[in-house]
């Protein structure tokens, strides 16, 4: 097999999971439900934390966004969203692996971007 064909196969294999997240992978959404994500977040509106659509809007096109968000999912904390959340911190999820958190972050970033309201 030529190296070009092998590289193409590898590229397709790596792209497949990302495509599944963009389509709303039930496995990732179930993992997010199990982790309690939807207790504080919704796709299109604020509950306690920002809407996932707002997050997708804020981070669209930013290199490294999924990795940054994955670390935020694991460690929790406060920051950019304080004006909308009143400073309520995001709960850490230290039992998630980086790979699991990245899958969740990719799912969030695949949502339809929605501009957040003015704080």
PDB file of N, CA and C in Angstrom:
ATOM      1  N   UNK A   1       0.852  -1.170   0.000  1.00  0.00           N
ATOM      2  CA  UNK A   1       0.000   0.000   0.000  1.00  0.00           C
ATOM      3  C   UNK A   1       0.898   1.234   0.000  1.00  0.00           C
ATOM      4  N   UNK A   2       0.559   2.199  -0.799  1.00  0.00           N
ATOM      5  CA  UNK A   2       1.397   3.395  -0.878  1.00  0.00           C
ATOM      6  C   UNK A   2       1.231   4.241   0.379  1.00  0.00           C
ATOM      7  N   UNK A   3       2.229   5.074   0.642  1.00  0.00           N
ATOM      8  CA  UNK A   3       2.170   5.917   1.838  1.00  0.00           C
ATOM      9  C   UNK A   3       1.035   6.936   1.726  1.00  0.00           C
ATOM     10  N   UNK A   4       0.712   7.364   0.519  1.00  0.00           N
ATOM     11  CA  UNK A   4      -0.388   8.314   0.318  1.00  0.00           C
ATOM     12  C   UNK A   4      -1.708   7.676   0.726  1.00  0.00           C
ATOM     13  N   UNK A   5      -1.928   6.436   0.323  1.00  0.00           N
ATOM     14  CA  UNK A   5      -3.161   5.729   0.661  1.00  0.00           C
ATOM     15  C   UNK A   5      -3.233   5.504   2.171  1.00  0.00           C
ATOM     16  N   UNK A   6      -2.104   5.134   2.797  1.00  0.00           N
ATOM     17  CA  UNK A   6      -2.087   4.935   4.250  1.00  0.00           C
ATOM     18  C   UNK A   6      -2.411   6.237   4.972  1.00  0.00           C
ATOM     19  N   UNK A   7      -1.811   7.341   4.522  1.00  0.00           N
ATOM     20  CA  UNK A   7      -2.077   8.636   5.160  1.00  0.00           C
ATOM     21  C   UNK A   7      -3.528   9.048   4.988  1.00  0.00           C
ATOM     22  N   UNK A   8      -4.097   8.793   3.815  1.00  0.00           N
ATOM     23  CA  UNK A   8      -5.496   9.121   3.577  1.00  0.00           C
ATOM     24  C   UNK A   8      -6.391   8.296   4.498  1.00  0.00           C
ATOM     25  N   UNK A   9      -6.075   7.016   4.643  1.00  0.00           N
ATOM     26  CA  UNK A   9      -6.843   6.153   5.541  1.00  0.00           C
ATOM     27  C   UNK A   9      -6.776   6.636   6.980  1.00  0.00           C
ATOM     28  N   UNK A  10      -5.581   7.049   7.417  1.00  0.00           N
ATOM     29  CA  UNK A  10      -5.417   7.560   8.770  1.00  0.00           C
ATOM     30  C   UNK A  10      -6.213   8.855   8.944  1.00  0.00           C
ATOM     31  N   UNK A  11      -6.151   9.741   7.971  1.00  0.00           N
ATOM     32  CA  UNK A  11      -6.891  10.999   8.051  1.00  0.00           C
ATOM     33  C   UNK A  11      -8.391  10.747   8.152  1.00  0.00           C
ATOM     34  N   UNK A  12      -8.899   9.807   7.375  1.00  0.00           N
ATOM     35  CA  UNK A  12     -10.323   9.486   7.428  1.00  0.00           C
ATOM     36  C   UNK A  12     -10.695   8.862   8.771  1.00  0.00           C
ATOM     37  N   UNK A  13      -9.841   8.013   9.288  1.00  0.00           N
ATOM     38  CA  UNK A  13     -10.099   7.383  10.582  1.00  0.00           C
ATOM     39  C   UNK A  13     -10.137   8.416  11.698  1.00  0.00           C
ATOM     40  N   UNK A  14      -9.257   9.406  11.640  1.00  0.00           N
ATOM     41  CA  UNK A  14      -9.237  10.442  12.665  1.00  0.00           C
ATOM     42  C   UNK A  14     -10.398  11.411  12.516  1.00  0.00           C
ATOM     43  N   UNK A  15     -10.866  11.644  11.303  1.00  0.00           N
ATOM     44  CA  UNK A  15     -11.963  12.573  11.063  1.00  0.00           C
ATOM     45  C   UNK A  15     -13.310  11.977  11.427  1.00  0.00           C
ATOM     46  N   UNK A  16     -13.445  10.672  11.386  1.00  0.00           N
ATOM     47  CA  UNK A  16     -14.739  10.027  11.641  1.00  0.00           C
ATOM     48  C   UNK A  16     -15.310  10.381  13.004  1.00  0.00           C
ATOM     49  N   UNK A  17     -14.530  10.308  14.109  1.00  0.00           N
ATOM     50  CA  UNK A  17     -15.120  10.668  15.397  1.00  0.00           C
ATOM     51  C   UNK A  17     -15.581  12.118  15.450  1.00  0.00           C
ATOM     52  N   UNK A  18     -14.836  13.035  14.852  1.00  0.00           N
ATOM     53  CA  UNK A  18     -15.228  14.437  14.859  1.00  0.00           C
ATOM     54  C   UNK A  18     -16.543  14.608  14.114  1.00  0.00           C
ATOM     55  N   UNK A  19     -16.712  13.928  13.003  1.00  0.00           N
ATOM     56  CA  UNK A  19     -17.968  14.004  12.265  1.00  0.00           C
ATOM     57  C   UNK A  19     -19.121  13.482  13.114  1.00  0.00           C
ATOM     58  N   UNK A  20     -18.878  12.427  13.887  1.00  0.00           N
ATOM     59  CA  UNK A  20     -19.929  11.885  14.752  1.00  0.00           C
ATOM     60  C   UNK A  20     -20.338  12.913  15.798  1.00  0.00           C
ATOM     61  N   UNK A  21     -19.376  13.656  16.361  1.00  0.00           N
ATOM     62  CA  UNK A  21     -19.719  14.663  17.362  1.00  0.00           C
ATOM     63  C   UNK A  21     -20.540  15.775  16.730  1.00  0.00           C
ATOM     64  N   UNK A  22     -20.172  16.165  15.520  1.00  0.00           N
ATOM     65  CA  UNK A  22     -20.906  17.223  14.838  1.00  0.00           C
ATOM     66  C   UNK A  22     -22.346  16.807  14.592  1.00  0.00           C
ATOM     67  N   UNK A  23     -22.564  15.523  14.412  1.00  0.00           N
ATOM     68  CA  UNK A  23     -23.912  15.025  14.170  1.00  0.00           C
ATOM     69  C   UNK A  23     -24.665  14.816  15.478  1.00  0.00           C
ATOM     70  N   UNK A  24     -24.059  15.096  16.618  1.00  0.00           N
ATOM     71  CA  UNK A  24     -24.722  14.929  17.901  1.00  0.00           C
ATOM     72  C   UNK A  24     -24.631  13.511  18.421  1.00  0.00           C
ATOM     73  N   UNK A  25     -23.437  12.984  18.473  1.00  0.00           N
ATOM     74  CA  UNK A  25     -23.194  11.615  18.911  1.00  0.00           C
ATOM     75  C   UNK A  25     -23.975  11.283  20.175  1.00  0.00           C
ATOM     76  N   UNK A  26     -24.834  10.268  20.110  1.00  0.00           N
ATOM     77  CA  UNK A  26     -25.584   9.881  21.307  1.00  0.00           C
ATOM     78  C   UNK A  26     -24.676   9.432  22.450  1.00  0.00           C
ATOM     79  N   UNK A  27     -23.534   8.820  22.146  1.00  0.00           N
ATOM     80  CA  UNK A  27     -22.629   8.362  23.192  1.00  0.00           C
ATOM     81  C   UNK A  27     -22.035   9.547  23.960  1.00  0.00           C
ATOM     82  N   UNK A  28     -21.643  10.582  23.245  1.00  0.00           N
ATOM     83  CA  UNK A  28     -21.066  11.750  23.904  1.00  0.00           C
ATOM     84  C   UNK A  28     -22.147  12.460  24.713  1.00  0.00           C
ATOM     85  N   UNK A  29     -23.319  12.621  24.135  1.00  0.00           N
ATOM     86  CA  UNK A  29     -24.418  13.278  24.848  1.00  0.00           C
ATOM     87  C   UNK A  29     -24.792  12.476  26.100  1.00  0.00           C
ATOM     88  N   UNK A  30     -24.781  11.156  26.009  1.00  0.00           N
ATOM     89  CA  UNK A  30     -25.068  10.320  27.180  1.00  0.00           C
ATOM     90  C   UNK A  30     -23.992  10.492  28.247  1.00  0.00           C
ATOM     91  N   UNK A  31     -22.734  10.546  27.838  1.00  0.00           N
ATOM     92  CA  UNK A  31     -21.646  10.764  28.792  1.00  0.00           C
ATOM     93  C   UNK A  31     -21.797  12.123  29.474  1.00  0.00           C
ATOM     94  N   UNK A  32     -22.227  13.129  28.713  1.00  0.00           N
ATOM     95  CA  UNK A  32     -22.441  14.460  29.283  1.00  0.00           C
ATOM     96  C   UNK A  32     -23.616  14.440  30.263  1.00  0.00           C
ATOM     97  N   UNK A  33     -24.637  13.696  29.937  1.00  0.00           N
ATOM     98  CA  UNK A  33     -25.777  13.558  30.847  1.00  0.00           C
ATOM     99  C   UNK A  33     -25.328  12.876  32.138  1.00  0.00           C
ATOM    100  N   UNK A  34     -24.559  11.805  32.009  1.00  0.00           N
ATOM    101  CA  UNK A  34     -24.062  11.082  33.184  1.00  0.00           C
ATOM    102  C   UNK A  34     -23.163  11.962  34.049  1.00  0.00           C
ATOM    103  N   UNK A  35     -22.395  12.850  33.419  1.00  0.00           N
ATOM    104  CA  UNK A  35     -21.489  13.733  34.159  1.00  0.00           C
ATOM    105  C   UNK A  35     -22.224  14.921  34.779  1.00  0.00           C
ATOM    106  N   UNK A  36     -23.512  15.081  34.457  1.00  0.00           N
ATOM    107  CA  UNK A  36     -24.296  16.171  35.025  1.00  0.00           C
ATOM    108  C   UNK A  36     -24.211  17.483  34.274  1.00  0.00           C
ATOM    109  N   UNK A  37     -23.671  17.462  33.077  1.00  0.00           N
ATOM    110  CA  UNK A  37     -23.477  18.700  32.312  1.00  0.00           C
ATOM    111  C   UNK A  37     -24.791  19.451  32.053  1.00  0.00           C
ATOM    112  N   UNK A  38     -25.848  18.683  31.766  1.00  0.00           N
ATOM    113  CA  UNK A  38     -27.118  19.315  31.397  1.00  0.00           C
ATOM    114  C   UNK A  38     -27.885  19.827  32.618  1.00  0.00           C
ATOM    115  N   UNK A  39     -27.374  19.603  33.819  1.00  0.00           N
ATOM    116  CA  UNK A  39     -27.979  20.200  35.007  1.00  0.00           C
ATOM    117  C   UNK A  39     -27.696  21.701  35.050  1.00  0.00           C
ATOM    118  N   UNK A  40     -26.578  22.110  34.468  1.00  0.00           N
ATOM    119  CA  UNK A  40     -26.177  23.518  34.487  1.00  0.00           C
ATOM    120  C   UNK A  40     -26.156  24.181  33.114  1.00  0.00           C
ATOM    121  N   UNK A  41     -26.155  23.388  32.049  1.00  0.00           N
ATOM    122  CA  UNK A  41     -26.059  23.931  30.690  1.00  0.00           C
ATOM    123  C   UNK A  41     -27.179  23.386  29.807  1.00  0.00           C
ATOM    124  N   UNK A  42     -27.626  24.221  28.884  1.00  0.00           N
ATOM    125  CA  UNK A  42     -28.554  23.803  27.833  1.00  0.00           C
ATOM    126  C   UNK A  42     -27.920  24.215  26.507  1.00  0.00           C
ATOM    127  N   UNK A  43     -28.470  23.744  25.420  1.00  0.00           N
ATOM    128  CA  UNK A  43     -27.894  24.063  24.116  1.00  0.00           C
ATOM    129  C   UNK A  43     -28.124  25.522  23.740  1.00  0.00           C
ATOM    130  N   UNK A  44     -29.346  26.037  23.942  1.00  0.00           N
ATOM    131  CA  UNK A  44     -29.676  27.360  23.412  1.00  0.00           C
ATOM    132  C   UNK A  44     -29.931  28.427  24.467  1.00  0.00           C
ATOM    133  N   UNK A  45     -29.968  28.070  25.744  1.00  0.00           N
ATOM    134  CA  UNK A  45     -30.247  29.078  26.765  1.00  0.00           C
ATOM    135  C   UNK A  45     -29.430  28.809  28.026  1.00  0.00           C
ATOM    136  N   UNK A  46     -29.237  29.874  28.799  1.00  0.00           N
ATOM    137  CA  UNK A  46     -28.493  29.777  30.051  1.00  0.00           C
ATOM    138  C   UNK A  46     -29.365  29.086  31.094  1.00  0.00           C
ATOM    139  N   UNK A  47     -28.757  28.183  31.845  1.00  0.00           N
ATOM    140  CA  UNK A  47     -29.399  27.642  33.046  1.00  0.00           C
ATOM    141  C   UNK A  47     -28.610  28.251  34.208  1.00  0.00           C
ATOM    142  N   UNK A  48     -27.514  27.623  34.607  1.00  0.00           N
ATOM    143  CA  UNK A  48     -26.573  28.206  35.561  1.00  0.00           C
ATOM    144  C   UNK A  48     -25.350  28.672  34.776  1.00  0.00           C
ATOM    145  N   UNK A  49     -24.845  27.768  33.929  1.00  0.00           N
ATOM    146  CA  UNK A  49     -23.709  28.084  33.071  1.00  0.00           C
ATOM    147  C   UNK A  49     -24.191  28.559  31.715  1.00  0.00           C
ATOM    148  N   UNK A  50     -23.272  28.999  30.877  1.00  0.00           N
ATOM    149  CA  UNK A  50     -23.661  29.510  29.559  1.00  0.00           C
ATOM    150  C   UNK A  50     -24.241  28.414  28.661  1.00  0.00           C
ATOM    151  N   UNK A  51     -25.078  28.838  27.733  1.00  0.00           N
ATOM    152  CA  UNK A  51     -25.617  27.918  26.726  1.00  0.00           C
ATOM    153  C   UNK A  51     -24.472  27.381  25.885  1.00  0.00           C
ATOM    154  N   UNK A  52     -24.589  26.129  25.463  1.00  0.00           N
ATOM    155  CA  UNK A  52     -23.549  25.551  24.613  1.00  0.00           C
ATOM    156  C   UNK A  52     -23.428  26.314  23.296  1.00  0.00           C
ATOM    157  N   UNK A  53     -24.516  26.838  22.792  1.00  0.00           N
ATOM    158  CA  UNK A  53     -24.467  27.649  21.577  1.00  0.00           C
ATOM    159  C   UNK A  53     -23.628  28.905  21.772  1.00  0.00           C
ATOM    160  N   UNK A  54     -23.690  29.486  22.973  1.00  0.00           N
ATOM    161  CA  UNK A  54     -22.869  30.658  23.283  1.00  0.00           C
ATOM    162  C   UNK A  54     -21.390  30.283  23.277  1.00  0.00           C
ATOM    163  N   UNK A  55     -21.108  29.128  23.862  1.00  0.00           N
ATOM    164  CA  UNK A  55     -19.717  28.655  23.918  1.00  0.00           C
ATOM    165  C   UNK A  55     -19.205  28.409  22.496  1.00  0.00           C
ATOM    166  N   UNK A  56     -20.037  27.769  21.673  1.00  0.00           N
ATOM    167  CA  UNK A  56     -19.658  27.526  20.271  1.00  0.00           C
ATOM    168  C   UNK A  56     -19.398  28.845  19.553  1.00  0.00           C
ATOM    169  N   UNK A  57     -20.208  29.855  19.825  1.00  0.00           N
ATOM    170  CA  UNK A  57     -20.047  31.180  19.209  1.00  0.00           C
ATOM    171  C   UNK A  57     -18.730  31.826  19.654  1.00  0.00           C
ATOM    172  N   UNK A  58     -18.474  31.805  20.957  1.00  0.00           N
ATOM    173  CA  UNK A  58     -17.281  32.458  21.499  1.00  0.00           C
ATOM    174  C   UNK A  58     -15.984  31.819  21.010  1.00  0.00           C
ATOM    175  N   UNK A  59     -15.979  30.495  20.875  1.00  0.00           N
ATOM    176  CA  UNK A  59     -14.740  29.796  20.533  1.00  0.00           C
ATOM    177  C   UNK A  59     -14.620  29.409  19.070  1.00  0.00           C
ATOM    178  N   UNK A  60     -15.608  29.717  18.237  1.00  0.00           N
ATOM    179  CA  UNK A  60     -15.543  29.304  16.826  1.00  0.00           C
ATOM    180  C   UNK A  60     -14.286  29.857  16.161  1.00  0.00           C
ATOM    181  N   UNK A  61     -13.615  28.965  15.469  1.00  0.00           N
ATOM    182  CA  UNK A  61     -12.413  29.337  14.722  1.00  0.00           C
ATOM    183  C   UNK A  61     -11.176  29.564  15.566  1.00  0.00           C
ATOM    184  N   UNK A  62     -11.262  29.381  16.868  1.00  0.00           N
ATOM    185  CA  UNK A  62     -10.092  29.602  17.722  1.00  0.00           C
ATOM    186  C   UNK A  62      -9.293  28.309  17.820  1.00  0.00           C
ATOM    187  N   UNK A  63      -8.030  28.332  17.362  1.00  0.00           N
ATOM    188  CA  UNK A  63      -7.196  27.130  17.443  1.00  0.00           C
ATOM    189  C   UNK A  63      -7.037  26.674  18.898  1.00  0.00           C
ATOM    190  N   UNK A  64      -7.112  25.374  19.101  1.00  0.00           N
ATOM    191  CA  UNK A  64      -6.909  24.812  20.432  1.00  0.00           C
ATOM    192  C   UNK A  64      -8.101  24.931  21.363  1.00  0.00           C
ATOM    193  N   UNK A  65      -9.246  25.375  20.845  1.00  0.00           N
ATOM    194  CA  UNK A  65     -10.417  25.583  21.700  1.00  0.00           C
ATOM    195  C   UNK A  65     -10.868  24.294  22.381  1.00  0.00           C
ATOM    196  N   UNK A  66     -10.879  23.184  21.653  1.00  0.00           N
ATOM    197  CA  UNK A  66     -11.357  21.926  22.236  1.00  0.00           C
ATOM    198  C   UNK A  66     -10.465  21.480  23.387  1.00  0.00           C
ATOM    199  N   UNK A  67      -9.163  21.612  23.244  1.00  0.00           N
ATOM    200  CA  UNK A  67      -8.240  21.214  24.311  1.00  0.00           C
ATOM    201  C   UNK A  67      -8.393  22.153  25.509  1.00  0.00           C
ATOM    202  N   UNK A  68      -8.495  23.456  25.245  1.00  0.00           N
ATOM    203  CA  UNK A  68      -8.693  24.426  26.333  1.00  0.00           C
ATOM    204  C   UNK A  68      -9.967  24.094  27.108  1.00  0.00           C
ATOM    205  N   UNK A  69     -11.063  23.868  26.378  1.00  0.00           N
ATOM    206  CA  UNK A  69     -12.333  23.559  27.037  1.00  0.00           C
ATOM    207  C   UNK A  69     -12.275  22.226  27.772  1.00  0.00           C
ATOM    208  N   UNK A  70     -11.572  21.255  27.214  1.00  0.00           N
ATOM    209  CA  UNK A  70     -11.433  19.962  27.884  1.00  0.00           C
ATOM    210  C   UNK A  70     -10.771  20.141  29.248  1.00  0.00           C
ATOM    211  N   UNK A  71      -9.733  20.954  29.299  1.00  0.00           N
ATOM    212  CA  UNK A  71      -9.064  21.210  30.578  1.00  0.00           C
ATOM    213  C   UNK A  71      -9.998  21.953  31.535  1.00  0.00           C
ATOM    214  N   UNK A  72     -10.807  22.862  31.004  1.00  0.00           N
ATOM    215  CA  UNK A  72     -11.771  23.598  31.824  1.00  0.00           C
ATOM    216  C   UNK A  72     -12.838  22.646  32.361  1.00  0.00           C
ATOM    217  N   UNK A  73     -13.266  21.681  31.549  1.00  0.00           N
ATOM    218  CA  UNK A  73     -14.249  20.695  31.983  1.00  0.00           C
ATOM    219  C   UNK A  73     -13.676  19.885  33.147  1.00  0.00           C
ATOM    220  N   UNK A  74     -12.435  19.491  33.033  1.00  0.00           N
ATOM    221  CA  UNK A  74     -11.806  18.667  34.075  1.00  0.00           C
ATOM    222  C   UNK A  74     -11.539  19.476  35.347  1.00  0.00           C
ATOM    223  N   UNK A  75     -11.010  20.687  35.194  1.00  0.00           N
ATOM    224  CA  UNK A  75     -10.590  21.459  36.378  1.00  0.00           C
ATOM    225  C   UNK A  75     -11.654  22.411  36.906  1.00  0.00           C
ATOM    226  N   UNK A  76     -12.662  22.744  36.097  1.00  0.00           N
ATOM    227  CA  UNK A  76     -13.706  23.672  36.536  1.00  0.00           C
ATOM    228  C   UNK A  76     -13.176  25.084  36.659  1.00  0.00           C
ATOM    229  N   UNK A  77     -13.886  25.913  37.414  1.00  0.00           N
ATOM    230  CA  UNK A  77     -13.418  27.268  37.663  1.00  0.00           C
ATOM    231  C   UNK A  77     -14.333  28.337  37.116  1.00  0.00           C
ATOM    232  N   UNK A  78     -13.842  29.556  37.135  1.00  0.00           N
ATOM    233  CA  UNK A  78     -14.592  30.713  36.653  1.00  0.00           C
ATOM    234  C   UNK A  78     -13.746  31.434  35.617  1.00  0.00           C
ATOM    235  N   UNK A  79     -14.328  32.433  34.997  1.00  0.00           N
ATOM    236  CA  UNK A  79     -13.568  33.189  34.010  1.00  0.00           C
ATOM    237  C   UNK A  79     -14.451  34.016  33.103  1.00  0.00           C
ATOM    238  N   UNK A  80     -14.311  33.814  31.817  1.00  0.00           N
ATOM    239  CA  UNK A  80     -14.969  34.629  30.801  1.00  0.00           C
ATOM    240  C   UNK A  80     -16.476  34.774  31.023  1.00  0.00           C
ATOM    241  N   UNK A  81     -17.135  33.729  31.465  1.00  0.00           N
ATOM    242  CA  UNK A  81     -18.597  33.727  31.553  1.00  0.00           C
ATOM    243  C   UNK A  81     -19.131  34.353  32.838  1.00  0.00           C
ATOM    244  N   UNK A  82     -18.272  34.869  33.719  1.00  0.00           N
ATOM    245  CA  UNK A  82     -18.718  35.447  34.987  1.00  0.00           C
ATOM    246  C   UNK A  82     -19.832  36.484  34.843  1.00  0.00           C
ATOM    247  N   UNK A  83     -19.779  37.395  33.853  1.00  0.00           N
ATOM    248  CA  UNK A  83     -20.867  38.370  33.746  1.00  0.00           C
ATOM    249  C   UNK A  83     -22.247  37.724  33.528  1.00  0.00           C
ATOM    250  N   UNK A  84     -22.281  36.551  32.935  1.00  0.00           N
ATOM    251  CA  UNK A  84     -23.546  35.865  32.678  1.00  0.00           C
ATOM    252  C   UNK A  84     -23.928  34.929  33.827  1.00  0.00           C
ATOM    253  N   UNK A  85     -22.934  34.426  34.543  1.00  0.00           N
ATOM    254  CA  UNK A  85     -23.201  33.430  35.586  1.00  0.00           C
ATOM    255  C   UNK A  85     -23.174  34.024  36.988  1.00  0.00           C
ATOM    256  N   UNK A  86     -22.815  35.302  37.095  1.00  0.00           N
ATOM    257  CA  UNK A  86     -22.692  35.903  38.413  1.00  0.00           C
ATOM    258  C   UNK A  86     -21.500  35.367  39.184  1.00  0.00           C
ATOM    259  N   UNK A  87     -20.558  34.777  38.479  1.00  0.00           N
ATOM    260  CA  UNK A  87     -19.356  34.245  39.121  1.00  0.00           C
ATOM    261  C   UNK A  87     -19.518  32.842  39.684  1.00  0.00           C
ATOM    262  N   UNK A  88     -20.666  32.204  39.406  1.00  0.00           N
ATOM    263  CA  UNK A  88     -20.852  30.824  39.867  1.00  0.00           C
ATOM    264  C   UNK A  88     -19.831  29.952  39.138  1.00  0.00           C
ATOM    265  N   UNK A  89     -18.979  29.240  39.888  1.00  0.00           N
ATOM    266  CA  UNK A  89     -17.939  28.455  39.222  1.00  0.00           C
ATOM    267  C   UNK A  89     -18.483  27.196  38.566  1.00  0.00           C
ATOM    268  N   UNK A  90     -17.797  26.781  37.518  1.00  0.00           N
ATOM    269  CA  UNK A  90     -18.109  25.497  36.909  1.00  0.00           C
ATOM    270  C   UNK A  90     -17.519  24.411  37.793  1.00  0.00           C
ATOM    271  N   UNK A  91     -18.313  23.401  38.047  1.00  0.00           N
ATOM    272  CA  UNK A  91     -17.882  22.288  38.886  1.00  0.00           C
ATOM    273  C   UNK A  91     -16.803  21.493  38.155  1.00  0.00           C
ATOM    274  N   UNK A  92     -15.716  21.123  38.828  1.00  0.00           N
ATOM    275  CA  UNK A  92     -14.699  20.298  38.174  1.00  0.00           C
ATOM    276  C   UNK A  92     -15.194  18.863  37.982  1.00  0.00           C
ATOM    277  N   UNK A  93     -14.658  18.217  36.981  1.00  0.00           N
ATOM    278  CA  UNK A  93     -14.967  16.818  36.679  1.00  0.00           C
ATOM    279  C   UNK A  93     -13.654  16.037  36.589  1.00  0.00           C
ATOM    280  N   UNK A  94     -12.949  15.885  37.723  1.00  0.00           N
ATOM    281  CA  UNK A  94     -11.612  15.288  37.710  1.00  0.00           C
ATOM    282  C   UNK A  94     -11.570  13.808  37.350  1.00  0.00           C
ATOM    283  N   UNK A  95     -12.713  13.135  37.351  1.00  0.00           N
ATOM    284  CA  UNK A  95     -12.702  11.710  37.003  1.00  0.00           C
ATOM    285  C   UNK A  95     -12.738  11.478  35.501  1.00  0.00           C
ATOM    286  N   UNK A  96     -12.986  12.539  34.726  1.00  0.00           N
ATOM    287  CA  UNK A  96     -12.984  12.395  33.265  1.00  0.00           C
ATOM    288  C   UNK A  96     -11.551  12.377  32.753  1.00  0.00           C
ATOM    289  N   UNK A  97     -11.313  11.564  31.747  1.00  0.00           N
ATOM    290  CA  UNK A  97     -10.006  11.585  31.091  1.00  0.00           C
ATOM    291  C   UNK A  97      -9.967  12.779  30.142  1.00  0.00           C
ATOM    292  N   UNK A  98      -8.777  13.157  29.733  1.00  0.00           N
ATOM    293  CA  UNK A  98      -8.644  14.244  28.773  1.00  0.00           C
ATOM    294  C   UNK A  98      -9.361  13.883  27.478  1.00  0.00           C
ATOM    295  N   UNK A  99      -9.264  12.635  27.053  1.00  0.00           N
ATOM    296  CA  UNK A  99      -9.941  12.204  25.819  1.00  0.00           C
ATOM    297  C   UNK A  99     -11.454  12.342  25.947  1.00  0.00           C
ATOM    298  N   UNK A 100     -12.015  11.945  27.086  1.00  0.00           N
ATOM    299  CA  UNK A 100     -13.459  12.082  27.290  1.00  0.00           C
ATOM    300  C   UNK A 100     -13.865  13.554  27.273  1.00  0.00           C
ATOM    301  N   UNK A 101     -13.108  14.381  27.973  1.00  0.00           N
ATOM    302  CA  UNK A 101     -13.415  15.809  28.033  1.00  0.00           C
ATOM    303  C   UNK A 101     -13.290  16.453  26.658  1.00  0.00           C
ATOM    304  N   UNK A 102     -12.325  16.024  25.855  1.00  0.00           N
ATOM    305  CA  UNK A 102     -12.187  16.565  24.497  1.00  0.00           C
ATOM    306  C   UNK A 102     -13.372  16.166  23.632  1.00  0.00           C
ATOM    307  N   UNK A 103     -13.869  14.955  23.796  1.00  0.00           N
ATOM    308  CA  UNK A 103     -15.059  14.535  23.053  1.00  0.00           C
ATOM    309  C   UNK A 103     -16.233  15.435  23.415  1.00  0.00           C
ATOM    310  N   UNK A 104     -16.384  15.717  24.684  1.00  0.00           N
ATOM    311  CA  UNK A 104     -17.463  16.602  25.131  1.00  0.00           C
ATOM    312  C   UNK A 104     -17.274  18.016  24.590  1.00  0.00           C
ATOM    313  N   UNK A 105     -16.053  18.507  24.656  1.00  0.00           N
ATOM    314  CA  UNK A 105     -15.766  19.850  24.142  1.00  0.00           C
ATOM    315  C   UNK A 105     -16.051  19.931  22.647  1.00  0.00           C
ATOM    316  N   UNK A 106     -15.675  18.907  21.905  1.00  0.00           N
ATOM    317  CA  UNK A 106     -15.967  18.899  20.464  1.00  0.00           C
ATOM    318  C   UNK A 106     -17.464  18.882  20.208  1.00  0.00           C
ATOM    319  N   UNK A 107     -18.218  18.171  21.038  1.00  0.00           N
ATOM    320  CA  UNK A 107     -19.680  18.150  20.900  1.00  0.00           C
ATOM    321  C   UNK A 107     -20.236  19.555  21.129  1.00  0.00           C
ATOM    322  N   UNK A 108     -19.752  20.220  22.169  1.00  0.00           N
ATOM    323  CA  UNK A 108     -20.199  21.585  22.468  1.00  0.00           C
ATOM    324  C   UNK A 108     -19.864  22.516  21.304  1.00  0.00           C
ATOM    325  N   UNK A 109     -18.638  22.435  20.810  1.00  0.00           N
ATOM    326  CA  UNK A 109     -18.206  23.324  19.732  1.00  0.00           C
ATOM    327  C   UNK A 109     -18.933  23.054  18.422  1.00  0.00           C
ATOM    328  N   UNK A 110     -19.530  21.871  18.280  1.00  0.00           N
ATOM    329  CA  UNK A 110     -20.275  21.528  17.067  1.00  0.00           C
ATOM    330  C   UNK A 110     -21.709  22.067  17.086  1.00  0.00           C
ATOM    331  N   UNK A 111     -22.125  22.649  18.212  1.00  0.00           N
ATOM    332  CA  UNK A 111     -23.476  23.175  18.281  1.00  0.00           C
ATOM    333  C   UNK A 111     -23.593  24.452  17.441  1.00  0.00           C
ATOM    334  N   UNK A 112     -24.825  24.790  17.087  1.00  0.00           N
ATOM    335  CA  UNK A 112     -25.056  26.012  16.305  1.00  0.00           C
ATOM    336  C   UNK A 112     -24.612  27.212  17.139  1.00  0.00           C
ATOM    337  N   UNK A 113     -23.698  28.024  16.606  1.00  0.00           N
ATOM    338  CA  UNK A 113     -23.241  29.196  17.360  1.00  0.00           C
ATOM    339  C   UNK A 113     -24.374  30.205  17.573  1.00  0.00           C
ATOM    340  N   UNK A 114     -24.506  30.660  18.821  1.00  0.00           N
ATOM    341  CA  UNK A 114     -25.510  31.657  19.187  1.00  0.00           C
ATOM    342  C   UNK A 114     -24.791  32.782  19.927  1.00  0.00           C
ATOM    343  N   UNK A 115     -24.963  34.012  19.455  1.00  0.00           N
ATOM    344  CA  UNK A 115     -24.354  35.147  20.136  1.00  0.00           C
ATOM    345  C   UNK A 115     -24.991  35.314  21.508  1.00  0.00           C
ATOM    346  N   UNK A 116     -24.195  35.374  22.569  1.00  0.00           N
ATOM    347  CA  UNK A 116     -24.783  35.570  23.898  1.00  0.00           C
ATOM    348  C   UNK A 116     -25.384  36.967  24.017  1.00  0.00           C
ATOM    349  N   UNK A 117     -26.385  37.111  24.883  1.00  0.00           N
ATOM    350  CA  UNK A 117     -26.932  38.446  25.087  1.00  0.00           C
ATOM    351  C   UNK A 117     -25.911  39.338  25.777  1.00  0.00           C
ATOM    352  N   UNK A 118     -26.127  40.623  25.743  1.00  0.00           N
ATOM    353  CA  UNK A 118     -25.230  41.534  26.453  1.00  0.00           C
ATOM    354  C   UNK A 118     -25.342  41.252  27.938  1.00  0.00           C
ATOM    355  N   UNK A 119     -24.207  41.197  28.648  1.00  0.00           N
ATOM    356  CA  UNK A 119     -24.275  40.913  30.089  1.00  0.00           C
ATOM    357  C   UNK A 119     -24.891  42.059  30.876  1.00  0.00           C
TER     358      UNK A 119
END
